[in-house]
N, C-alpha and C. Protein backbone atom coordinates (compact mmCIF):
# COMPACT_ATOMS: atom_id res chain seq x y z
N UNK A 1 -26.99 -164.13 54.53
CA UNK A 1 -28.06 -164.54 53.21
C UNK A 1 -27.87 -163.85 52.55
N UNK A 2 -28.44 -164.52 51.56
CA UNK A 2 -28.90 -163.55 50.00
C UNK A 2 -30.34 -163.24 49.65
N UNK A 3 -30.37 -162.74 49.05
CA UNK A 3 -31.82 -162.02 48.43
C UNK A 3 -32.32 -163.36 47.77
N UNK A 4 -31.50 -163.94 46.90
CA UNK A 4 -32.21 -164.93 46.30
C UNK A 4 -31.73 -166.24 46.80
N UNK A 5 -32.17 -166.55 47.87
CA UNK A 5 -31.26 -168.24 48.19
C UNK A 5 -31.14 -169.04 47.41
N UNK A 6 -30.03 -169.73 47.67
CA UNK A 6 -30.07 -170.98 46.86
C UNK A 6 -30.65 -171.92 47.03
N UNK A 7 -30.83 -173.04 45.83
CA UNK A 7 -31.76 -173.76 46.59
C UNK A 7 -31.69 -174.95 45.74
N UNK A 8 -32.23 -176.35 45.73
CA UNK A 8 -32.40 -177.44 45.30
C UNK A 8 -32.63 -177.22 43.74
N UNK A 9 -32.88 -177.76 42.81
CA UNK A 9 -33.84 -178.09 41.79
C UNK A 9 -35.26 -178.70 42.12
N UNK A 10 -36.13 -178.62 41.31
CA UNK A 10 -37.38 -179.11 41.62
C UNK A 10 -37.34 -180.50 41.51
N UNK A 11 -37.80 -181.74 41.84
CA UNK A 11 -37.71 -182.75 41.69
C UNK A 11 -38.27 -183.39 40.01
N UNK A 12 -39.02 -182.34 39.14
CA UNK A 12 -39.48 -182.58 38.10
C UNK A 12 -38.44 -182.78 37.58
N UNK A 13 -37.13 -182.25 37.50
CA UNK A 13 -36.07 -181.94 36.80
C UNK A 13 -34.41 -182.18 37.42
N UNK A 14 -34.92 -183.21 38.50
CA UNK A 14 -33.57 -183.57 39.04
C UNK A 14 -33.85 -185.02 38.85
N UNK A 15 -32.19 -185.91 38.83
CA UNK A 15 -31.81 -187.05 38.46
C UNK A 15 -32.32 -188.14 39.83
N UNK A 16 -32.68 -187.13 40.84
CA UNK A 16 -32.47 -188.02 42.34
C UNK A 16 -31.91 -186.70 43.31
N UNK A 17 -32.82 -186.66 44.52
CA UNK A 17 -32.34 -186.21 45.51
C UNK A 17 -30.76 -186.06 46.22
N UNK A 18 -30.26 -187.80 46.44
CA UNK A 18 -29.12 -188.10 47.20
C UNK A 18 -28.09 -187.68 46.07
N UNK A 19 -28.20 -187.96 44.75
CA UNK A 19 -27.55 -187.48 43.67
C UNK A 19 -27.23 -185.79 44.16
N UNK A 20 -28.21 -185.53 43.79
CA UNK A 20 -28.50 -183.69 44.09
C UNK A 20 -27.39 -183.13 45.27
N UNK A 21 -27.85 -183.88 45.96
CA UNK A 21 -27.23 -183.87 47.26
C UNK A 21 -25.16 -183.61 47.26
N UNK A 22 -25.43 -184.93 47.34
CA UNK A 22 -23.94 -185.42 46.59
C UNK A 22 -23.21 -184.71 45.96
N UNK A 23 -23.79 -183.75 45.07
CA UNK A 23 -22.83 -183.36 44.15
C UNK A 23 -23.11 -181.66 44.90
N UNK A 24 -23.61 -181.70 45.85
CA UNK A 24 -23.05 -180.23 46.87
C UNK A 24 -21.93 -180.46 47.57
N UNK A 25 -21.60 -181.55 47.84
CA UNK A 25 -19.93 -181.45 48.46
C UNK A 25 -19.11 -181.45 47.13
N UNK A 26 -18.83 -181.46 45.87
CA UNK A 26 -18.08 -181.27 45.00
C UNK A 26 -17.98 -179.76 44.85
N UNK A 27 -19.37 -179.07 45.03
CA UNK A 27 -19.63 -177.54 44.59
C UNK A 27 -18.30 -177.06 45.91
N UNK A 28 -18.98 -177.16 47.07
CA UNK A 28 -18.22 -177.05 48.21
C UNK A 28 -17.03 -176.76 48.35
N UNK A 29 -16.60 -177.90 47.74
CA UNK A 29 -14.70 -177.58 47.60
C UNK A 29 -14.24 -176.53 46.67
N UNK A 30 -15.23 -176.11 45.71
CA UNK A 30 -14.67 -175.00 44.92
C UNK A 30 -14.34 -173.58 45.62
N UNK A 31 -13.11 -173.62 45.36
CA UNK A 31 -12.93 -171.58 45.30
C UNK A 31 -13.68 -170.66 44.78
N UNK A 32 -15.00 -170.21 45.33
CA UNK A 32 -15.68 -169.51 44.40
C UNK A 32 -16.13 -167.93 45.17
N UNK A 33 -16.86 -166.67 44.93
CA UNK A 33 -17.54 -166.41 45.37
C UNK A 33 -18.57 -165.55 44.80
N UNK A 34 -18.63 -165.84 43.67
CA UNK A 34 -19.75 -165.56 42.89
C UNK A 34 -20.59 -166.60 42.02
N UNK A 35 -21.32 -166.57 42.00
CA UNK A 35 -22.38 -168.08 41.45
C UNK A 35 -23.03 -167.62 40.36
N UNK A 36 -23.25 -168.14 39.62
CA UNK A 36 -24.30 -167.55 37.96
C UNK A 36 -25.02 -168.82 37.90
N UNK A 37 -26.11 -168.65 38.70
CA UNK A 37 -27.03 -169.87 37.92
C UNK A 37 -27.69 -169.47 37.08
N UNK A 38 -28.22 -170.78 36.46
CA UNK A 38 -28.98 -170.65 35.33
C UNK A 38 -29.86 -169.92 34.87
N UNK A 39 -30.53 -169.48 36.36
CA UNK A 39 -32.06 -168.78 36.03
C UNK A 39 -31.99 -168.51 37.45
N UNK A 40 -32.12 -166.80 37.20
CA UNK A 40 -32.20 -166.00 38.84
C UNK A 40 -30.90 -165.36 38.44
N UNK A 41 -30.94 -164.44 39.90
CA UNK A 41 -29.80 -163.54 39.78
C UNK A 41 -28.66 -163.86 40.41
N UNK A 42 -27.21 -163.27 40.12
CA UNK A 42 -25.88 -163.60 40.31
C UNK A 42 -25.92 -163.61 41.89
N UNK A 43 -25.33 -164.38 42.60
CA UNK A 43 -25.40 -164.79 43.93
C UNK A 43 -23.46 -164.58 44.00
N UNK A 44 -23.40 -163.11 45.00
CA UNK A 44 -22.30 -163.15 45.84
C UNK A 44 -22.05 -163.35 46.70
N UNK A 45 -21.69 -164.44 47.23
CA UNK A 45 -21.53 -165.08 48.27
C UNK A 45 -20.48 -166.35 48.06
N UNK A 46 -19.50 -167.08 49.06
CA UNK A 46 -19.07 -168.16 48.66
C UNK A 46 -19.38 -169.25 48.48
N UNK A 47 -19.06 -169.91 47.69
CA UNK A 47 -20.36 -171.21 47.21
C UNK A 47 -20.49 -172.14 48.68
N UNK A 48 -19.43 -172.28 49.60
CA UNK A 48 -19.57 -173.21 50.52
C UNK A 48 -20.74 -172.65 50.97
N UNK A 49 -20.45 -171.25 51.59
CA UNK A 49 -21.37 -170.53 52.36
C UNK A 49 -23.26 -171.07 51.49
N UNK A 50 -23.39 -170.83 50.46
CA UNK A 50 -24.19 -171.60 49.65
C UNK A 50 -24.93 -172.66 49.94
N UNK A 51 -24.17 -173.64 49.80
CA UNK A 51 -24.40 -175.01 49.97
C UNK A 51 -24.70 -174.93 51.42
N UNK A 52 -24.41 -174.43 52.57
CA UNK A 52 -24.60 -174.88 53.61
C UNK A 52 -25.80 -174.14 53.78
N UNK A 53 -26.08 -173.28 53.12
CA UNK A 53 -27.73 -172.74 53.34
C UNK A 53 -29.07 -173.60 52.43
N UNK A 54 -28.25 -174.02 51.87
CA UNK A 54 -29.17 -175.33 50.94
C UNK A 54 -29.20 -176.46 52.06
N UNK A 55 -28.05 -176.87 52.63
CA UNK A 55 -28.53 -178.15 53.41
C UNK A 55 -28.86 -177.90 54.60
N UNK A 56 -28.96 -176.89 54.98
CA UNK A 56 -29.51 -176.34 56.37
C UNK A 56 -31.20 -176.28 56.12
N UNK A 57 -31.66 -175.80 54.65
CA UNK A 57 -33.23 -175.97 54.81
C UNK A 57 -33.78 -177.29 54.39
N UNK A 58 -32.76 -178.31 53.43
CA UNK A 58 -33.00 -179.30 53.46
C UNK A 58 -33.09 -180.58 54.52
N UNK A 59 -32.92 -180.37 55.60
CA UNK A 59 -32.73 -180.98 56.69
C UNK A 59 -34.04 -181.51 57.13
């Protein structure tokens, strides 16, 4: 787990929950271990692990 957990954007700036959750499939397929979010600190973790954390919290 990272210090600043990955998450979904708030509903006010999202085009739709299902589109956002669907995009996670594309992100999880990337081979990356550093995530540079638009806001917040750099996340040093596999993107697939970050996607798993988001999915666990949104169930």
